[in-house]
Amino acid sequence: MPASPSTARAINDRLALRLLQEEGPLTAGQLKQLTGLSRPTVADLVERLTAAGLIDVVGEAGEQRRGPNAKLYGIVADRAHLAALDVRTEGVSVVVSDLLGRVLAEASVPIGDDTGTGPAVEQAVALVERTSKEAGADRLHTVGIGAPGLIDPATGDLRDSTGLPAWHRRLVAALAERLPGARVIVENETNLAARAEQRDGAARDRDDFVLLWLGHGTGAAVILDGRLRRGASGGTGEIGFLPVPGTAGLPSATDCEGGFHSLAGAAAIERLAEEYGVAAPRAGAGPWAAELVGAAVQEASGGVGPDGGAASTGDGAESDGGPGAGSAGGDVTPPEKPGREGVRAVDGTAGGGPAGPGPAGAGPSPEIRFLDALADRLAVGVASVVAVLDPGCVVLGGEVGQAGGAVLAARVEARIRRMSPLATEVRPSALGGGAVLRGALLTARDRAQDELFAPPER
């Protein structure tokens, strides 16, 4: 059954707006070419979208012949302003953008553990208001928030979670109250990071992948068939609670201590670095673990950064340093029998243990042995994910995943090849800790455009 004229107009309008979003300003002639629509149909939709205040003439194409087709049309970026928040246990970061997602202002504020709920909420809300004013935004259309914890799939609300500050839940309500008319959306931080990696980062070519978040804490996000999977209670990806060998006990329903978090959380990585004598100065508000991993990668690579040049996988192979390090170029030959290296290593004793190396050339450096031990730990969690989901690709995200780069990713992939019959590519994050803010902004932009670009109700 053919679409009605109004439905056809709505479809054509959305197609043109999507092209203007993706390609930037276009002439009517370019819209005709890209959409395949007739010249009169394009002229009608340009007139309709201009009248609605959604697009406007933003310049002229560099054509010698002047005429209607030489006008460049673009989306009216200041039609709406958006905000994105990355809410952590230790503070808040904010960006404010226009409707196209171009960042106009950004800021952050630390919030100490001893700050009361009321003062913490006030600091965060005041930061959003100041940043909006700096961006020249009179009002915010949509606010996207990334926060740790579970999101109720039925209501979209942030659920009470043991161990997380009370001000997190209060902040959502306070923003809705102080920003009248704004649409406030809250989403799990790791889910937002995965969306950002899928749209703009390491997983742009993947419909199936898992993001393993490695920051202050641990988490995972599952993308299958191009869609984010939440689970029945919204808890898909709570990998910190995964029981693993090599810890002092088992996690509980209220505490992930004893689970994978105890192997791969920032505090655990910092203790592991101390065992191997790896040091780095504390810099910035991010996890110190990322600085330690970055320093180890640089030292192990002969002064080259995490993604520069060939890197040993810790298995006698080398990676080409690309986004899928260790998957295509590095010939990692598995042993005849898989063995139990990944399990033995979780207590930090694999690869010769934390004792210092002998004379020069007698053995791997402390940095290499630290990276090998860390890769052993991460492989335990990755192997569990691979066995259940078979995603084909795992992205090591967060500040630690980005600091480890292709060097760490190659080591983890080499271990997964030994531990699993399922082919799995392990990639480093392209966005690191900034993925949460990027994902929150993309979510806010999509929601605002869905509403503003919708055809008027008749």
Protein backbone atom coordinates (compact mmCIF):
# COMPACT_ATOMS: atom_id res chain seq x y z
CA MET A 1 0.00 0.00 0.00
CA PRO A 2 1.57 3.33 -1.05
CA ALA A 3 2.25 5.95 1.60
CA SER A 4 -0.19 8.81 1.96
CA PRO A 5 1.01 12.24 0.79
CA SER A 6 1.52 13.41 4.40
CA THR A 7 3.49 10.29 5.29
CA ALA A 8 5.63 10.66 2.17
CA ARG A 9 6.37 14.28 3.05
CA ALA A 10 7.37 13.30 6.59
CA ILE A 11 9.68 10.56 5.28
CA ASN A 12 11.29 12.93 2.78
CA ASP A 13 11.75 15.64 5.40
CA ARG A 14 13.47 13.25 7.83
CA LEU A 15 15.71 11.94 5.06
CA ALA A 16 16.79 15.46 4.10
CA LEU A 17 17.41 16.42 7.74
CA ARG A 18 19.46 13.29 8.34
CA LEU A 19 21.61 14.08 5.31
CA LEU A 20 22.12 17.65 6.49
CA GLN A 21 23.12 16.31 9.90
CA GLU A 22 25.61 13.82 8.48
CA GLU A 23 26.96 15.74 5.49
CA GLY A 24 26.70 19.34 6.65
CA PRO A 25 25.24 22.16 4.50
CA LEU A 26 24.02 21.07 1.06
CA THR A 27 22.53 22.74 -1.98
CA ALA A 28 19.10 21.80 -3.29
CA GLY A 29 20.85 20.11 -6.19
CA GLN A 30 22.95 18.01 -3.84
CA LEU A 31 19.86 17.05 -1.87
CA LYS A 32 18.21 15.98 -5.11
CA GLN A 33 21.21 13.83 -5.99
CA LEU A 34 21.55 12.23 -2.55
CA THR A 35 17.85 11.57 -1.98
CA GLY A 36 16.88 10.60 -5.52
CA LEU A 37 13.84 12.87 -5.25
CA SER A 38 12.60 15.04 -8.06
CA ARG A 39 13.54 18.71 -8.26
CA PRO A 40 9.98 19.93 -7.41
CA THR A 41 9.81 17.57 -4.41
CA VAL A 42 13.14 18.84 -3.09
CA ALA A 43 12.03 22.45 -3.60
CA ASP A 44 8.86 21.72 -1.62
CA LEU A 45 10.68 20.11 1.29
CA VAL A 46 13.26 22.91 1.43
CA GLU A 47 10.46 25.46 1.59
CA ARG A 48 8.62 23.41 4.21
CA LEU A 49 11.66 22.91 6.47
CA THR A 50 12.66 26.57 6.13
CA ALA A 51 9.18 27.70 7.13
CA ALA A 52 9.33 25.39 10.15
CA GLY A 53 12.56 27.04 11.29
CA LEU A 54 14.53 23.81 10.99
CA ILE A 55 16.86 24.81 8.13
CA ASP A 56 18.08 28.08 6.70
CA VAL A 57 20.44 29.42 4.08
CA VAL A 58 23.94 29.32 5.57
CA GLY A 59 25.95 30.38 2.51
CA GLU A 60 26.49 29.71 -1.16
CA ALA A 61 28.25 26.91 -2.98
CA GLY A 62 31.34 27.76 -4.99
CA GLU A 63 29.53 27.59 -8.31
CA GLN A 64 30.09 30.16 -11.02
CA ARG A 65 26.45 30.25 -12.03
CA ARG A 66 24.36 31.88 -9.35
CA GLY A 67 20.86 30.62 -8.80
CA PRO A 68 18.60 28.83 -6.33
CA ASN A 69 20.69 25.66 -6.45
CA ALA A 70 23.78 27.60 -5.36
CA LYS A 71 22.32 28.32 -1.92
CA LEU A 72 23.64 26.16 0.85
CA TYR A 73 21.05 24.96 3.35
CA GLY A 74 21.94 23.82 6.85
CA ILE A 75 20.15 22.85 10.04
CA VAL A 76 19.47 25.80 12.35
CA ALA A 77 21.92 24.77 15.05
CA ASP A 78 20.73 27.18 17.72
CA ARG A 79 17.14 25.99 17.43
CA ALA A 80 17.85 24.05 20.64
CA HIS A 81 20.64 23.64 23.17
CA LEU A 82 21.60 20.38 24.81
CA ALA A 83 23.56 19.35 27.88
CA ALA A 84 25.39 16.13 28.70
CA LEU A 85 26.59 15.09 32.15
CA ASP A 86 29.08 12.44 33.21
CA VAL A 87 28.22 11.77 36.85
CA ARG A 88 30.92 9.93 38.78
CA THR A 89 31.24 9.10 42.46
CA GLU A 90 33.95 11.76 42.73
CA GLY A 91 32.44 14.58 40.66
CA VAL A 92 30.55 15.78 37.60
CA SER A 93 31.55 16.87 34.10
CA VAL A 94 29.24 18.87 31.82
CA VAL A 95 29.18 19.89 28.16
CA VAL A 96 26.61 22.13 26.49
CA SER A 97 26.10 21.98 22.73
CA ASP A 98 23.86 23.18 19.95
CA LEU A 99 21.35 20.99 18.11
CA LEU A 100 24.09 19.60 15.87
CA GLY A 101 26.09 18.44 18.87
CA ARG A 102 28.83 21.06 18.53
CA VAL A 103 30.25 21.71 21.99
CA LEU A 104 29.88 25.35 23.08
CA ALA A 105 31.07 25.13 26.68
CA GLU A 106 32.30 22.51 29.12
CA ALA A 107 33.26 22.33 32.78
CA SER A 108 33.68 19.94 35.68
CA VAL A 109 33.60 20.04 39.46
CA PRO A 110 34.97 17.58 42.04
CA ILE A 111 32.58 16.43 44.76
CA GLY A 112 34.23 14.89 47.81
CA ASP A 113 33.04 11.82 49.66
CA ASP A 114 32.32 13.94 52.72
CA THR A 115 29.99 16.30 50.83
CA GLY A 116 26.39 16.01 51.97
CA THR A 117 23.61 15.07 49.56
CA GLY A 118 22.08 18.56 49.41
CA PRO A 119 25.35 20.46 48.85
CA ALA A 120 26.48 17.87 46.27
CA VAL A 121 23.27 18.25 44.27
CA GLU A 122 23.52 22.04 44.45
CA GLN A 123 27.12 21.99 43.18
CA ALA A 124 26.17 19.80 40.23
CA VAL A 125 23.06 21.78 39.27
CA ALA A 126 24.89 25.10 39.62
CA LEU A 127 27.60 23.75 37.32
CA VAL A 128 25.02 22.95 34.64
CA GLU A 129 23.48 26.42 34.97
CA ARG A 130 26.86 28.20 34.76
CA THR A 131 27.99 26.17 31.77
CA SER A 132 24.70 26.82 29.97
CA LYS A 133 25.08 30.54 30.55
CA GLU A 134 28.65 30.44 29.26
CA ALA A 135 27.39 28.67 26.12
CA GLY A 136 24.78 31.38 25.55
CA ALA A 137 21.89 28.98 26.07
CA ASP A 138 18.80 30.65 27.53
CA ARG A 139 17.22 27.25 28.12
CA LEU A 140 18.10 23.63 27.60
CA HIS A 141 15.91 21.43 25.44
CA THR A 142 17.33 18.04 26.46
CA VAL A 143 19.77 16.87 29.13
CA GLY A 144 21.49 13.49 28.86
CA ILE A 145 23.02 12.03 32.01
CA GLY A 146 25.44 9.13 32.31
CA ALA A 147 25.69 7.64 35.80
CA PRO A 148 26.88 4.40 37.40
CA GLY A 149 24.21 2.00 38.59
CA LEU A 150 21.14 0.27 37.23
CA ILE A 151 18.51 1.95 35.09
CA ASP A 152 14.99 0.57 35.50
CA PRO A 153 14.02 -0.58 31.97
CA ALA A 154 10.33 0.09 32.67
CA THR A 155 10.59 3.65 34.04
CA GLY A 156 14.02 4.82 32.86
CA ASP A 157 14.83 5.90 36.43
CA LEU A 158 18.15 5.41 38.20
CA ARG A 159 17.61 2.73 40.81
CA ASP A 160 18.94 2.77 44.36
CA SER A 161 22.32 1.03 44.34
CA THR A 162 24.39 0.12 47.36
CA GLY A 163 27.72 1.90 47.43
CA LEU A 164 26.69 4.81 45.18
CA PRO A 165 26.18 8.33 46.56
CA ALA A 166 22.59 9.31 47.37
CA TRP A 167 23.03 12.59 45.49
CA HIS A 168 23.11 10.73 42.16
CA ARG A 169 19.39 9.94 42.28
CA ARG A 170 18.51 13.32 43.75
CA LEU A 171 20.36 15.08 40.93
CA VAL A 172 17.99 13.84 38.24
CA ALA A 173 14.94 15.22 40.05
CA ALA A 174 16.74 18.48 40.89
CA LEU A 175 17.66 19.09 37.25
CA ALA A 176 14.08 18.49 36.13
CA GLU A 177 12.93 20.99 38.75
CA ARG A 178 15.53 23.69 38.07
CA LEU A 179 15.40 23.38 34.27
CA PRO A 180 11.70 23.77 33.46
CA GLY A 181 10.74 22.37 30.09
CA ALA A 182 13.96 20.37 29.68
CA ARG A 183 13.74 16.67 28.90
CA VAL A 184 16.05 14.87 31.35
CA ILE A 185 17.28 11.41 30.33
CA VAL A 186 19.45 9.19 32.54
CA GLU A 187 21.37 6.16 31.28
CA ASN A 188 24.01 3.81 32.63
CA GLU A 189 27.46 5.25 31.96
CA THR A 190 28.87 2.11 30.33
CA ASN A 191 25.90 1.83 27.98
CA LEU A 192 26.49 5.41 26.87
CA ALA A 193 30.18 4.72 26.35
CA ALA A 194 29.30 1.75 24.12
CA ARG A 195 26.96 3.89 22.03
CA ALA A 196 29.71 6.45 21.58
CA GLU A 197 32.25 3.80 20.55
CA GLN A 198 29.67 2.41 18.11
CA ARG A 199 28.92 5.78 16.55
CA ASP A 200 32.28 7.56 16.70
CA GLY A 201 34.88 5.21 18.13
CA ALA A 202 36.47 1.79 17.97
CA ALA A 203 33.32 -0.17 17.05
CA ARG A 204 32.01 1.87 14.13
CA ASP A 205 32.17 -1.17 11.86
CA ARG A 206 30.56 -3.58 14.35
CA ASP A 207 26.92 -4.57 14.89
CA ASP A 208 27.97 -7.03 17.60
CA PHE A 209 30.47 -6.17 20.32
CA VAL A 210 30.92 -5.86 24.06
CA LEU A 211 32.51 -2.83 25.70
CA LEU A 212 34.51 -3.75 28.81
CA TRP A 213 34.72 -0.58 30.90
CA LEU A 214 37.95 -0.19 32.85
CA GLY A 215 37.99 2.97 34.93
CA HIS A 216 37.66 3.49 38.68
CA GLY A 217 35.36 0.48 38.54
CA THR A 218 34.43 -2.13 35.97
CA GLY A 219 31.38 -2.63 33.79
CA ALA A 220 30.28 -3.95 30.45
CA ALA A 221 27.79 -2.98 27.76
CA VAL A 222 26.39 -5.42 25.22
CA ILE A 223 25.54 -4.46 21.65
CA LEU A 224 24.01 -7.25 19.54
CA ASP A 225 22.47 -6.79 16.08
CA GLY A 226 23.27 -3.09 16.46
CA ARG A 227 21.06 -2.74 19.54
CA LEU A 228 21.91 -2.12 23.18
CA ARG A 229 20.80 -5.08 25.32
CA ARG A 230 19.66 -4.25 28.85
CA GLY A 231 18.35 -7.49 30.32
CA ALA A 232 15.18 -8.11 32.33
CA SER A 233 16.15 -5.80 35.20
CA GLY A 234 18.47 -3.45 33.33
CA GLY A 235 21.54 -5.12 34.78
CA THR A 236 23.18 -6.55 31.68
CA GLY A 237 26.92 -5.93 31.95
CA GLU A 238 27.34 -5.82 35.75
CA ILE A 239 30.57 -7.73 35.25
CA GLY A 240 32.09 -6.48 38.48
CA PHE A 241 29.92 -9.08 40.26
CA LEU A 242 31.23 -11.94 38.10
CA PRO A 243 32.73 -14.63 40.38
CA VAL A 244 36.32 -15.28 39.30
CA PRO A 245 39.27 -17.32 40.60
CA GLY A 246 42.09 -15.63 42.43
CA THR A 247 40.11 -13.37 44.77
CA ALA A 248 39.66 -13.60 48.53
CA GLY A 249 36.01 -14.62 48.34
CA LEU A 250 32.78 -14.28 46.40
CA PRO A 251 30.81 -11.13 45.62
CA SER A 252 27.48 -10.56 47.35
CA ALA A 253 24.19 -9.06 46.21
CA THR A 254 25.25 -5.73 47.71
CA ASP A 255 29.03 -5.69 47.14
CA CYS A 256 31.11 -6.67 44.11
CA GLU A 257 34.23 -7.16 46.24
CA GLY A 258 35.49 -10.65 45.46
CA GLY A 259 34.20 -10.52 41.90
CA PHE A 260 35.89 -9.40 38.68
CA HIS A 261 36.01 -5.88 40.15
CA SER A 262 38.61 -7.15 42.62
CA LEU A 263 40.86 -8.12 39.71
CA ALA A 264 40.33 -5.27 37.26
CA GLY A 265 39.08 -2.26 39.21
CA ALA A 266 41.44 0.71 39.50
CA ALA A 267 42.47 -0.08 43.07
CA ALA A 268 43.32 -3.69 42.14
CA ILE A 269 45.40 -2.56 39.16
CA GLU A 270 47.24 -0.05 41.33
CA ARG A 271 48.12 -2.80 43.82
CA LEU A 272 49.28 -5.02 40.96
CA ALA A 273 51.54 -2.26 39.65
CA GLU A 274 53.05 -1.86 43.11
CA GLU A 275 53.81 -5.60 43.20
CA TYR A 276 55.79 -5.31 39.99
CA GLY A 277 57.50 -2.05 40.88
CA VAL A 278 55.74 0.01 38.21
CA ALA A 279 55.36 3.69 39.13
CA ALA A 280 53.88 6.81 37.58
CA PRO A 281 52.99 10.29 38.85
CA ARG A 282 49.37 10.98 39.68
CA ALA A 283 47.95 13.36 37.09
CA GLY A 284 44.41 14.67 36.69
CA ALA A 285 41.18 13.43 38.19
CA GLY A 286 41.12 10.11 36.34
CA PRO A 287 42.11 6.80 37.92
CA TRP A 288 45.79 6.52 38.79
CA ALA A 289 45.63 3.01 37.33
CA ALA A 290 45.42 4.55 33.86
CA GLU A 291 48.62 6.52 34.47
CA LEU A 292 50.37 3.35 35.65
CA VAL A 293 49.22 1.32 32.65
CA GLY A 294 50.18 4.13 30.28
CA ALA A 295 53.64 4.39 31.82
CA ALA A 296 54.13 0.63 31.54
CA VAL A 297 53.03 0.64 27.91
CA GLN A 298 55.40 3.47 27.08
CA GLU A 299 58.32 1.77 28.81
CA ALA A 300 57.54 -1.62 27.28
CA SER A 301 57.30 -0.02 23.85
CA GLY A 302 60.63 1.74 24.09
CA GLY A 303 59.15 5.17 24.69
CA VAL A 304 56.39 4.81 22.08
CA GLY A 305 52.81 5.56 23.14
CA PRO A 306 50.10 2.90 23.55
CA ASP A 307 49.20 2.84 19.85
CA GLY A 308 52.52 3.61 18.20
CA GLY A 309 54.48 0.90 16.44
CA ALA A 310 54.67 -2.85 16.91
CA ALA A 311 53.97 -4.22 20.34
CA SER A 312 54.72 -7.59 21.84
CA THR A 313 51.65 -9.57 22.86
CA GLY A 314 53.48 -11.26 25.69
CA ASP A 315 53.16 -14.53 23.76
CA GLY A 316 56.10 -14.17 21.44
CA ALA A 317 54.03 -12.45 18.77
CA GLU A 318 53.74 -8.88 17.65
CA SER A 319 50.79 -6.67 16.86
CA ASP A 320 50.72 -4.09 14.12
CA GLY A 321 49.27 -1.56 16.56
CA GLY A 322 45.99 -1.22 14.64
CA PRO A 323 42.53 -1.03 16.16
CA GLY A 324 42.15 -4.77 16.15
CA ALA A 325 45.58 -5.45 17.54
CA GLY A 326 46.59 -9.08 17.39
CA SER A 327 43.71 -10.23 15.22
CA ALA A 328 44.95 -10.06 11.68
CA GLY A 329 48.64 -9.31 11.57
CA GLY A 330 50.17 -10.93 14.63
CA ASP A 331 50.70 -14.69 14.26
CA VAL A 332 49.95 -15.85 17.76
CA THR A 333 50.51 -19.61 17.80
CA PRO A 334 48.55 -21.22 20.64
CA PRO A 335 50.17 -24.02 22.61
CA GLU A 336 49.14 -27.60 21.90
CA LYS A 337 47.04 -27.58 25.07
CA PRO A 338 45.41 -24.38 26.38
CA GLY A 339 46.76 -24.78 29.91
CA ARG A 340 45.66 -22.64 32.86
CA GLU A 341 47.82 -19.55 32.48
CA GLY A 342 44.84 -17.18 32.67
CA VAL A 343 43.66 -18.67 35.97
CA ARG A 344 47.09 -18.93 37.62
CA ALA A 345 47.89 -15.33 36.79
CA VAL A 346 45.04 -13.68 38.65
CA ASP A 347 47.03 -13.56 41.88
CA GLY A 348 49.81 -11.65 40.14
CA THR A 349 52.33 -14.50 40.18
CA ALA A 350 52.38 -15.51 36.51
CA GLY A 351 55.22 -14.60 34.17
CA GLY A 352 57.96 -14.93 36.75
CA GLY A 353 56.19 -13.22 39.64
CA PRO A 354 56.78 -9.74 41.00
CA ALA A 355 60.44 -10.34 41.75
CA GLY A 356 62.77 -8.05 39.83
CA PRO A 357 64.47 -9.23 36.64
CA GLY A 358 68.06 -10.38 36.46
CA PRO A 359 70.81 -8.62 34.51
CA ALA A 360 69.98 -6.74 31.33
CA GLY A 361 68.69 -9.09 28.68
CA ALA A 362 68.02 -11.89 31.23
CA GLY A 363 64.25 -11.48 31.25
CA PRO A 364 61.26 -9.22 30.65
CA SER A 365 61.19 -5.83 32.32
CA PRO A 366 58.87 -5.20 35.29
CA GLU A 367 56.59 -3.17 32.99
CA ILE A 368 56.19 -6.06 30.54
CA ARG A 369 55.51 -8.53 33.34
CA PHE A 370 52.97 -6.12 34.84
CA LEU A 371 51.16 -5.83 31.49
CA ASP A 372 51.22 -9.61 31.08
CA ALA A 373 49.74 -10.11 34.55
CA LEU A 374 47.08 -7.48 33.89
CA ALA A 375 46.19 -9.09 30.56
CA ASP A 376 45.85 -12.45 32.36
CA ARG A 377 43.35 -10.86 34.74
CA LEU A 378 41.34 -9.14 32.03
CA ALA A 379 41.24 -12.30 29.95
CA VAL A 380 39.33 -14.08 32.73
CA GLY A 381 36.45 -11.61 32.41
CA VAL A 382 36.63 -11.35 28.63
CA ALA A 383 36.61 -15.15 28.23
CA SER A 384 33.42 -15.36 30.30
CA VAL A 385 31.72 -12.77 28.11
CA VAL A 386 32.88 -14.49 24.93
CA ALA A 387 31.67 -17.92 26.08
CA VAL A 388 28.14 -16.65 26.76
CA LEU A 389 27.62 -14.00 24.05
CA ASP A 390 30.11 -14.73 21.24
CA PRO A 391 30.22 -11.03 20.27
CA GLY A 392 33.21 -11.39 17.95
CA CYS A 393 34.69 -8.15 19.28
CA VAL A 394 35.49 -6.76 22.72
CA VAL A 395 36.51 -3.13 23.19
CA LEU A 396 38.66 -2.31 26.21
CA GLY A 397 37.14 1.00 27.24
CA GLY A 398 37.50 3.60 29.95
CA GLU A 399 40.64 5.39 30.95
CA VAL A 400 42.58 2.18 31.59
CA GLY A 401 41.54 0.57 28.30
CA GLN A 402 42.61 3.64 26.36
CA ALA A 403 45.91 3.87 28.27
CA GLY A 404 46.67 0.24 27.48
CA GLY A 405 46.01 0.83 23.79
CA ALA A 406 46.90 -1.78 21.21
CA VAL A 407 49.68 -3.13 23.44
CA LEU A 408 47.31 -4.33 26.15
CA ALA A 409 44.54 -5.29 23.71
CA ALA A 410 46.93 -7.57 21.80
CA ARG A 411 47.94 -9.32 24.99
CA VAL A 412 44.34 -9.94 26.02
CA GLU A 413 43.42 -11.20 22.55
CA ALA A 414 46.34 -13.64 22.53
CA ARG A 415 45.10 -15.14 25.78
CA ILE A 416 41.52 -15.40 24.54
CA ARG A 417 42.78 -17.34 21.52
CA ARG A 418 44.20 -19.91 23.90
CA MET A 419 41.18 -19.98 26.19
CA SER A 420 38.27 -19.97 23.71
CA PRO A 421 37.45 -21.62 20.37
CA LEU A 422 35.38 -18.52 19.44
CA ALA A 423 37.23 -16.01 17.26
CA THR A 424 37.28 -12.71 19.11
CA GLU A 425 38.96 -9.45 18.22
CA VAL A 426 40.05 -7.26 21.14
CA ARG A 427 40.36 -3.55 20.42
CA PRO A 428 41.41 -0.57 22.50
CA SER A 429 38.95 2.25 23.07
CA ALA A 430 39.19 5.22 20.74
CA LEU A 431 37.41 7.55 23.18
CA GLY A 432 38.57 6.44 26.63
CA GLY A 433 36.97 8.11 29.63
CA GLY A 434 35.40 10.76 27.37
CA ALA A 435 33.09 8.16 25.87
CA VAL A 436 30.45 8.65 28.59
CA LEU A 437 30.05 12.36 27.90
CA ARG A 438 30.08 11.71 24.16
CA GLY A 439 27.41 9.04 24.52
CA ALA A 440 25.26 11.26 26.73
CA LEU A 441 25.49 14.08 24.18
CA LEU A 442 24.61 11.77 21.29
CA THR A 443 21.61 10.50 23.24
CA ALA A 444 20.42 14.03 24.02
CA ARG A 445 20.91 15.10 20.40
CA ASP A 446 19.01 12.11 19.03
CA ARG A 447 16.11 12.67 21.43
CA ALA A 448 15.90 16.39 20.67
CA GLN A 449 16.06 15.87 16.92
CA ASP A 450 13.43 13.13 17.06
CA GLU A 451 11.08 15.60 18.69
CA LEU A 452 11.95 18.72 16.71
CA PHE A 453 12.13 16.97 13.36
CA ALA A 454 8.84 15.12 13.81
CA PRO A 455 6.05 16.27 11.46
CA PRO A 456 3.48 18.56 13.10
CA GLU A 457 0.39 16.81 14.36
CA ARG A 458 -2.74 17.57 12.41
